[in-house]
Amino acid sequence: MKKNITFFTLLVVLTISAQSKYETGMQKAFDLWKNNKTTEASQLFERITNAKKTEWLPPYYVATIEIITSFGLKDGAILDNKLKKAQQFLDKASTISPNNPEITITQALLNTAYIAFDGQKYGMTLSVKNNSLYQEALKMAPNNPRVILSKAEWDMGSAQFFGQSIEPYCKDVQKTIPLFEKEKLPQFYPSNGINRAKEVLKKCKKQ
């Protein structure tokens, strides 16, 4: 009996220690990202991914950083390498956490990065995929403000491209503000968006 108690105590201590290392590493990666050290942040999230193979957030953040930093690139080879890496880590995150709306809208953002780089080459096929992804994410999480905001911004871009009003989608963006404000999320879970929503609403008022 005493041996069993000792083993259980040791197991608890090791679990707490491992969790502490994970939390410390994640916080450090976020701090690097916050200070615009995106390469270092991505590399640390990647190391955490390799160490914690059951957590979807580290590979998700590797993918997110690679996608965000691909916008504005002029070199197609560099962009393609970044987005291929992002896809690999997004696939890892999806394997760990299937049917995850946060991963789904990030897949759409990855597609948008390709479209932004070369709309003529990627626009038609990836736009159709994005429409499907946003509908899928909205069905999974109809009250997730990041899902609603991401879909609204995508719809706005499409409306502007075809010379249509963005007003219907401004109402969707407005709806996200109270949803963002009342969110209570697990540690390290994606929580961004409210500032972006407010910026988009400013554009809406100028229409």
C-alpha atoms as a PDB file:
ATOM      1  CA  MET A   1       0.000   0.000   0.000  1.00  0.00           C
ATOM      2  CA  LYS A   2       2.838   2.361   0.963  1.00  0.00           C
ATOM      3  CA  LYS A   3       4.600   1.663  -2.355  1.00  0.00           C
ATOM      4  CA  ASN A   4       1.413   2.484  -4.282  1.00  0.00           C
ATOM      5  CA  ILE A   5       1.049   5.804  -2.442  1.00  0.00           C
ATOM      6  CA  THR A   6       4.697   6.678  -3.129  1.00  0.00           C
ATOM      7  CA  PHE A   7       4.311   5.864  -6.826  1.00  0.00           C
ATOM      8  CA  PHE A   8       1.112   7.916  -7.075  1.00  0.00           C
ATOM      9  CA  THR A   9       2.782  10.890  -5.343  1.00  0.00           C
ATOM     10  CA  LEU A  10       5.752  10.678  -7.712  1.00  0.00           C
ATOM     11  CA  LEU A  11       3.391  10.520 -10.710  1.00  0.00           C
ATOM     12  CA  VAL A  12       1.524  13.642  -9.531  1.00  0.00           C
ATOM     13  CA  VAL A  13       4.799  15.539  -9.006  1.00  0.00           C
ATOM     14  CA  LEU A  14       6.064  14.598 -12.458  1.00  0.00           C
ATOM     15  CA  THR A  15       2.748  15.591 -14.059  1.00  0.00           C
ATOM     16  CA  ILE A  16       2.751  18.985 -12.332  1.00  0.00           C
ATOM     17  CA  SER A  17       6.380  19.551 -13.318  1.00  0.00           C
ATOM     18  CA  ALA A  18       5.690  18.698 -16.964  1.00  0.00           C
ATOM     19  CA  GLN A  19       2.648  20.965 -17.015  1.00  0.00           C
ATOM     20  CA  SER A  20       4.678  23.763 -15.462  1.00  0.00           C
ATOM     21  CA  LYS A  21       7.336  23.447 -18.165  1.00  0.00           C
ATOM     22  CA  TYR A  22       4.616  23.549 -20.826  1.00  0.00           C
ATOM     23  CA  GLU A  23       3.028  26.649 -19.353  1.00  0.00           C
ATOM     24  CA  THR A  24       6.384  28.385 -18.927  1.00  0.00           C
ATOM     25  CA  GLY A  25       7.378  27.586 -22.489  1.00  0.00           C
ATOM     26  CA  MET A  26       4.062  28.747 -23.919  1.00  0.00           C
ATOM     27  CA  GLN A  27       4.198  32.021 -21.985  1.00  0.00           C
ATOM     28  CA  LYS A  28       7.761  32.643 -23.157  1.00  0.00           C
ATOM     29  CA  ALA A  29       6.718  32.017 -26.767  1.00  0.00           C
ATOM     30  CA  PHE A  30       3.843  34.486 -26.429  1.00  0.00           C
ATOM     31  CA  ASP A  31       6.187  37.068 -24.929  1.00  0.00           C
ATOM     32  CA  LEU A  32       8.564  36.678 -27.887  1.00  0.00           C
ATOM     33  CA  TRP A  33       5.641  37.055 -30.284  1.00  0.00           C
ATOM     34  CA  LYS A  34       4.382  40.128 -28.444  1.00  0.00           C
ATOM     35  CA  ASN A  35       7.833  41.701 -28.843  1.00  0.00           C
ATOM     36  CA  ASN A  36       7.774  41.027 -32.616  1.00  0.00           C
ATOM     37  CA  LYS A  37      10.344  38.230 -32.376  1.00  0.00           C
ATOM     38  CA  THR A  38       8.192  36.080 -34.610  1.00  0.00           C
ATOM     39  CA  THR A  39      10.937  33.710 -35.788  1.00  0.00           C
ATOM     40  CA  GLU A  40      12.011  32.932 -32.235  1.00  0.00           C
ATOM     41  CA  ALA A  41       8.384  32.543 -31.136  1.00  0.00           C
ATOM     42  CA  SER A  42       7.613  30.154 -33.985  1.00  0.00           C
ATOM     43  CA  GLN A  43      10.717  28.102 -33.218  1.00  0.00           C
ATOM     44  CA  LEU A  44       9.782  27.833 -29.543  1.00  0.00           C
ATOM     45  CA  PHE A  45       6.203  26.827 -30.346  1.00  0.00           C
ATOM     46  CA  GLU A  46       7.701  24.209 -32.654  1.00  0.00           C
ATOM     47  CA  ARG A  47       9.885  22.816 -29.868  1.00  0.00           C
ATOM     48  CA  ILE A  48       6.878  22.677 -27.561  1.00  0.00           C
ATOM     49  CA  THR A  49       4.954  20.862 -30.318  1.00  0.00           C
ATOM     50  CA  ASN A  50       7.634  18.175 -30.416  1.00  0.00           C
ATOM     51  CA  ALA A  51       7.641  17.861 -26.623  1.00  0.00           C
ATOM     52  CA  LYS A  52       3.867  17.915 -26.041  1.00  0.00           C
ATOM     53  CA  LYS A  53       2.421  15.784 -28.797  1.00  0.00           C
ATOM     54  CA  THR A  54      -1.108  15.788 -27.351  1.00  0.00           C
ATOM     55  CA  GLU A  55      -1.541  19.580 -27.295  1.00  0.00           C
ATOM     56  CA  TRP A  56      -3.070  21.236 -30.383  1.00  0.00           C
ATOM     57  CA  LEU A  57      -2.246  24.820 -29.432  1.00  0.00           C
ATOM     58  CA  PRO A  58       1.552  24.809 -30.039  1.00  0.00           C
ATOM     59  CA  PRO A  59       1.315  23.592 -33.669  1.00  0.00           C
ATOM     60  CA  TYR A  60      -1.667  25.890 -34.178  1.00  0.00           C
ATOM     61  CA  TYR A  61       0.449  28.876 -33.171  1.00  0.00           C
ATOM     62  CA  VAL A  62       3.373  27.800 -35.347  1.00  0.00           C
ATOM     63  CA  ALA A  63       0.975  27.771 -38.289  1.00  0.00           C
ATOM     64  CA  THR A  64      -0.619  31.075 -37.306  1.00  0.00           C
ATOM     65  CA  ILE A  65       2.716  32.903 -37.091  1.00  0.00           C
ATOM     66  CA  GLU A  66       3.916  31.498 -40.415  1.00  0.00           C
ATOM     67  CA  ILE A  67       0.657  32.526 -42.105  1.00  0.00           C
ATOM     68  CA  ILE A  68       0.553  36.042 -40.675  1.00  0.00           C
ATOM     69  CA  THR A  69       4.180  36.753 -41.567  1.00  0.00           C
ATOM     70  CA  SER A  70       3.630  35.566 -45.136  1.00  0.00           C
ATOM     71  CA  PHE A  71       1.326  38.475 -45.987  1.00  0.00           C
ATOM     72  CA  GLY A  72       3.161  41.146 -47.921  1.00  0.00           C
ATOM     73  CA  LEU A  73       5.986  38.896 -49.091  1.00  0.00           C
ATOM     74  CA  LYS A  74       7.071  39.429 -52.688  1.00  0.00           C
ATOM     75  CA  ASP A  75       9.208  36.316 -53.087  1.00  0.00           C
ATOM     76  CA  GLY A  76       6.989  33.412 -54.117  1.00  0.00           C
ATOM     77  CA  ALA A  77       9.472  30.750 -53.027  1.00  0.00           C
ATOM     78  CA  ILE A  78       9.760  32.156 -49.499  1.00  0.00           C
ATOM     79  CA  LEU A  79       5.994  32.531 -49.234  1.00  0.00           C
ATOM     80  CA  ASP A  80       5.412  28.995 -50.455  1.00  0.00           C
ATOM     81  CA  ASN A  81       7.907  27.579 -47.941  1.00  0.00           C
ATOM     82  CA  LYS A  82       6.267  29.440 -45.077  1.00  0.00           C
ATOM     83  CA  LEU A  83       2.765  28.374 -46.046  1.00  0.00           C
ATOM     84  CA  LYS A  84       3.779  24.761 -46.614  1.00  0.00           C
ATOM     85  CA  LYS A  85       5.284  24.738 -43.126  1.00  0.00           C
ATOM     86  CA  ALA A  86       2.099  26.341 -41.794  1.00  0.00           C
ATOM     87  CA  GLN A  87       0.015  23.647 -43.481  1.00  0.00           C
ATOM     88  CA  GLN A  88       2.087  20.869 -41.929  1.00  0.00           C
ATOM     89  CA  PHE A  89       1.590  22.254 -38.435  1.00  0.00           C
ATOM     90  CA  LEU A  90      -2.056  23.039 -39.034  1.00  0.00           C
ATOM     91  CA  ASP A  91      -2.519  19.408 -40.083  1.00  0.00           C
ATOM     92  CA  LYS A  92      -0.835  18.311 -36.829  1.00  0.00           C
ATOM     93  CA  ALA A  93      -3.161  20.527 -34.812  1.00  0.00           C
ATOM     94  CA  SER A  94      -6.180  19.175 -36.690  1.00  0.00           C
ATOM     95  CA  THR A  95      -5.139  15.568 -36.060  1.00  0.00           C
ATOM     96  CA  ILE A  96      -4.954  16.278 -32.326  1.00  0.00           C
ATOM     97  CA  SER A  97      -8.153  18.354 -32.275  1.00  0.00           C
ATOM     98  CA  PRO A  98     -10.452  17.468 -35.196  1.00  0.00           C
ATOM     99  CA  ASN A  99     -13.519  19.564 -36.016  1.00  0.00           C
ATOM    100  CA  ASN A 100     -11.985  22.578 -34.311  1.00  0.00           C
ATOM    101  CA  PRO A 101     -13.434  25.904 -35.569  1.00  0.00           C
ATOM    102  CA  GLU A 102     -10.268  27.834 -34.638  1.00  0.00           C
ATOM    103  CA  ILE A 103      -8.214  25.544 -36.861  1.00  0.00           C
ATOM    104  CA  THR A 104     -10.823  25.709 -39.606  1.00  0.00           C
ATOM    105  CA  ILE A 105     -10.768  29.506 -39.868  1.00  0.00           C
ATOM    106  CA  THR A 106      -6.964  29.464 -39.742  1.00  0.00           C
ATOM    107  CA  GLN A 107      -6.990  27.115 -42.726  1.00  0.00           C
ATOM    108  CA  ALA A 108      -9.095  29.718 -44.510  1.00  0.00           C
ATOM    109  CA  LEU A 109      -6.557  32.398 -43.535  1.00  0.00           C
ATOM    110  CA  LEU A 110      -3.785  30.269 -45.032  1.00  0.00           C
ATOM    111  CA  ASN A 111      -5.764  30.052 -48.270  1.00  0.00           C
ATOM    112  CA  THR A 112      -6.274  33.821 -48.166  1.00  0.00           C
ATOM    113  CA  ALA A 113      -2.505  34.325 -47.958  1.00  0.00           C
ATOM    114  CA  TYR A 114      -2.141  32.456 -51.251  1.00  0.00           C
ATOM    115  CA  ILE A 115      -4.981  34.475 -52.795  1.00  0.00           C
ATOM    116  CA  ALA A 116      -3.470  37.758 -51.608  1.00  0.00           C
ATOM    117  CA  PHE A 117      -0.161  36.817 -53.207  1.00  0.00           C
ATOM    118  CA  ASP A 118      -1.579  35.762 -56.574  1.00  0.00           C
ATOM    119  CA  GLY A 119      -5.323  36.151 -56.965  1.00  0.00           C
ATOM    120  CA  GLN A 120      -5.284  35.156 -60.609  1.00  0.00           C
ATOM    121  CA  LYS A 121      -3.618  31.830 -59.834  1.00  0.00           C
ATOM    122  CA  TYR A 122      -5.322  30.927 -56.565  1.00  0.00           C
ATOM    123  CA  GLY A 123      -8.434  33.102 -56.355  1.00  0.00           C
ATOM    124  CA  MET A 124     -11.041  30.930 -58.020  1.00  0.00           C
ATOM    125  CA  THR A 125     -10.272  27.547 -56.437  1.00  0.00           C
ATOM    126  CA  LEU A 126      -9.332  28.738 -52.946  1.00  0.00           C
ATOM    127  CA  SER A 127     -12.229  31.197 -52.715  1.00  0.00           C
ATOM    128  CA  VAL A 128     -14.652  28.312 -53.155  1.00  0.00           C
ATOM    129  CA  LYS A 129     -12.796  26.374 -50.451  1.00  0.00           C
ATOM    130  CA  ASN A 130     -12.875  29.349 -48.100  1.00  0.00           C
ATOM    131  CA  ASN A 131     -16.612  29.808 -48.510  1.00  0.00           C
ATOM    132  CA  SER A 132     -17.046  26.189 -47.494  1.00  0.00           C
ATOM    133  CA  LEU A 133     -14.600  26.461 -44.568  1.00  0.00           C
ATOM    134  CA  TYR A 134     -16.317  29.514 -43.102  1.00  0.00           C
ATOM    135  CA  GLN A 135     -19.739  27.889 -43.378  1.00  0.00           C
ATOM    136  CA  GLU A 136     -18.333  24.778 -41.716  1.00  0.00           C
ATOM    137  CA  ALA A 137     -16.761  26.777 -38.870  1.00  0.00           C
ATOM    138  CA  LEU A 138     -19.950  28.782 -38.324  1.00  0.00           C
ATOM    139  CA  LYS A 139     -21.972  25.581 -38.124  1.00  0.00           C
ATOM    140  CA  MET A 140     -19.564  24.175 -35.520  1.00  0.00           C
ATOM    141  CA  ALA A 141     -19.399  27.356 -33.431  1.00  0.00           C
ATOM    142  CA  PRO A 142     -22.185  29.850 -34.284  1.00  0.00           C
ATOM    143  CA  ASN A 143     -21.363  32.052 -31.274  1.00  0.00           C
ATOM    144  CA  ASN A 144     -17.586  32.051 -31.599  1.00  0.00           C
ATOM    145  CA  PRO A 145     -16.692  35.722 -32.228  1.00  0.00           C
ATOM    146  CA  ARG A 146     -13.484  34.877 -34.117  1.00  0.00           C
ATOM    147  CA  VAL A 147     -15.462  32.675 -36.485  1.00  0.00           C
ATOM    148  CA  ILE A 148     -18.123  35.349 -37.054  1.00  0.00           C
ATOM    149  CA  LEU A 149     -15.527  38.100 -37.511  1.00  0.00           C
ATOM    150  CA  SER A 150     -13.344  36.067 -39.873  1.00  0.00           C
ATOM    151  CA  LYS A 151     -16.315  35.098 -42.012  1.00  0.00           C
ATOM    152  CA  ALA A 152     -17.600  38.696 -42.042  1.00  0.00           C
ATOM    153  CA  GLU A 153     -14.225  40.040 -43.179  1.00  0.00           C
ATOM    154  CA  TRP A 154     -14.046  37.416 -45.895  1.00  0.00           C
ATOM    155  CA  ASP A 155     -17.568  38.288 -47.051  1.00  0.00           C
ATOM    156  CA  MET A 156     -16.675  41.990 -47.009  1.00  0.00           C
ATOM    157  CA  GLY A 157     -13.680  41.374 -49.232  1.00  0.00           C
ATOM    158  CA  SER A 158     -15.814  39.429 -51.673  1.00  0.00           C
ATOM    159  CA  ALA A 159     -18.510  42.128 -51.665  1.00  0.00           C
ATOM    160  CA  GLN A 160     -15.978  44.862 -52.358  1.00  0.00           C
ATOM    161  CA  PHE A 161     -14.451  42.835 -55.161  1.00  0.00           C
ATOM    162  CA  PHE A 162     -17.838  42.621 -56.864  1.00  0.00           C
ATOM    163  CA  GLY A 163     -18.790  46.236 -56.091  1.00  0.00           C
ATOM    164  CA  GLN A 164     -21.446  45.306 -53.531  1.00  0.00           C
ATOM    165  CA  SER A 165     -22.315  46.853 -50.160  1.00  0.00           C
ATOM    166  CA  ILE A 166     -20.530  45.580 -47.063  1.00  0.00           C
ATOM    167  CA  GLU A 167     -23.292  46.835 -44.748  1.00  0.00           C
ATOM    168  CA  PRO A 168     -24.893  43.418 -44.085  1.00  0.00           C
ATOM    169  CA  TYR A 169     -21.556  42.111 -42.797  1.00  0.00           C
ATOM    170  CA  CYS A 170     -20.946  45.162 -40.609  1.00  0.00           C
ATOM    171  CA  LYS A 171     -23.896  43.981 -38.525  1.00  0.00           C
ATOM    172  CA  ASP A 172     -22.157  40.639 -38.074  1.00  0.00           C
ATOM    173  CA  VAL A 173     -18.985  42.378 -36.911  1.00  0.00           C
ATOM    174  CA  GLN A 174     -20.987  44.479 -34.434  1.00  0.00           C
ATOM    175  CA  LYS A 175     -22.443  41.276 -33.023  1.00  0.00           C
ATOM    176  CA  THR A 176     -18.981  39.997 -32.097  1.00  0.00           C
ATOM    177  CA  ILE A 177     -18.165  42.770 -29.610  1.00  0.00           C
ATOM    178  CA  PRO A 178     -20.375  41.516 -26.728  1.00  0.00           C
ATOM    179  CA  LEU A 179     -19.365  37.946 -27.552  1.00  0.00           C
ATOM    180  CA  PHE A 180     -15.687  38.856 -27.209  1.00  0.00           C
ATOM    181  CA  GLU A 181     -16.352  40.725 -23.964  1.00  0.00           C
ATOM    182  CA  LYS A 182     -18.048  37.810 -22.230  1.00  0.00           C
ATOM    183  CA  GLU A 183     -15.681  35.063 -23.407  1.00  0.00           C
ATOM    184  CA  LYS A 184     -14.105  32.888 -20.729  1.00  0.00           C
ATOM    185  CA  LEU A 185     -11.483  30.715 -22.345  1.00  0.00           C
ATOM    186  CA  PRO A 186      -8.923  28.107 -21.244  1.00  0.00           C
ATOM    187  CA  GLN A 187      -5.300  29.191 -20.823  1.00  0.00           C
ATOM    188  CA  PHE A 188      -3.498  29.928 -24.100  1.00  0.00           C
ATOM    189  CA  TYR A 189      -6.679  29.450 -26.134  1.00  0.00           C
ATOM    190  CA  PRO A 190      -7.050  31.889 -29.059  1.00  0.00           C
ATOM    191  CA  SER A 191      -8.651  35.003 -27.630  1.00  0.00           C
ATOM    192  CA  ASN A 192      -7.706  37.744 -30.064  1.00  0.00           C
ATOM    193  CA  GLY A 193     -10.166  39.684 -32.167  1.00  0.00           C
ATOM    194  CA  ILE A 194     -11.962  42.435 -30.287  1.00  0.00           C
ATOM    195  CA  ASN A 195      -9.517  45.167 -31.338  1.00  0.00           C
ATOM    196  CA  ARG A 196      -9.684  43.949 -34.901  1.00  0.00           C
ATOM    197  CA  ALA A 197     -13.485  43.995 -34.773  1.00  0.00           C
ATOM    198  CA  LYS A 198     -13.440  47.600 -33.581  1.00  0.00           C
ATOM    199  CA  GLU A 199     -11.094  48.581 -36.419  1.00  0.00           C
ATOM    200  CA  VAL A 200     -13.367  46.942 -38.977  1.00  0.00           C
ATOM    201  CA  LEU A 201     -16.369  48.784 -37.523  1.00  0.00           C
ATOM    202  CA  LYS A 202     -14.561  52.092 -38.054  1.00  0.00           C
ATOM    203  CA  LYS A 203     -14.291  51.217 -41.746  1.00  0.00           C
ATOM    204  CA  CYS A 204     -17.976  50.342 -41.765  1.00  0.00           C
ATOM    205  CA  LYS A 205     -18.887  53.803 -40.524  1.00  0.00           C
ATOM    206  CA  LYS A 206     -16.969  55.368 -43.393  1.00  0.00           C
ATOM    207  CA  GLN A 207     -19.045  53.509 -45.971  1.00  0.00           C
END
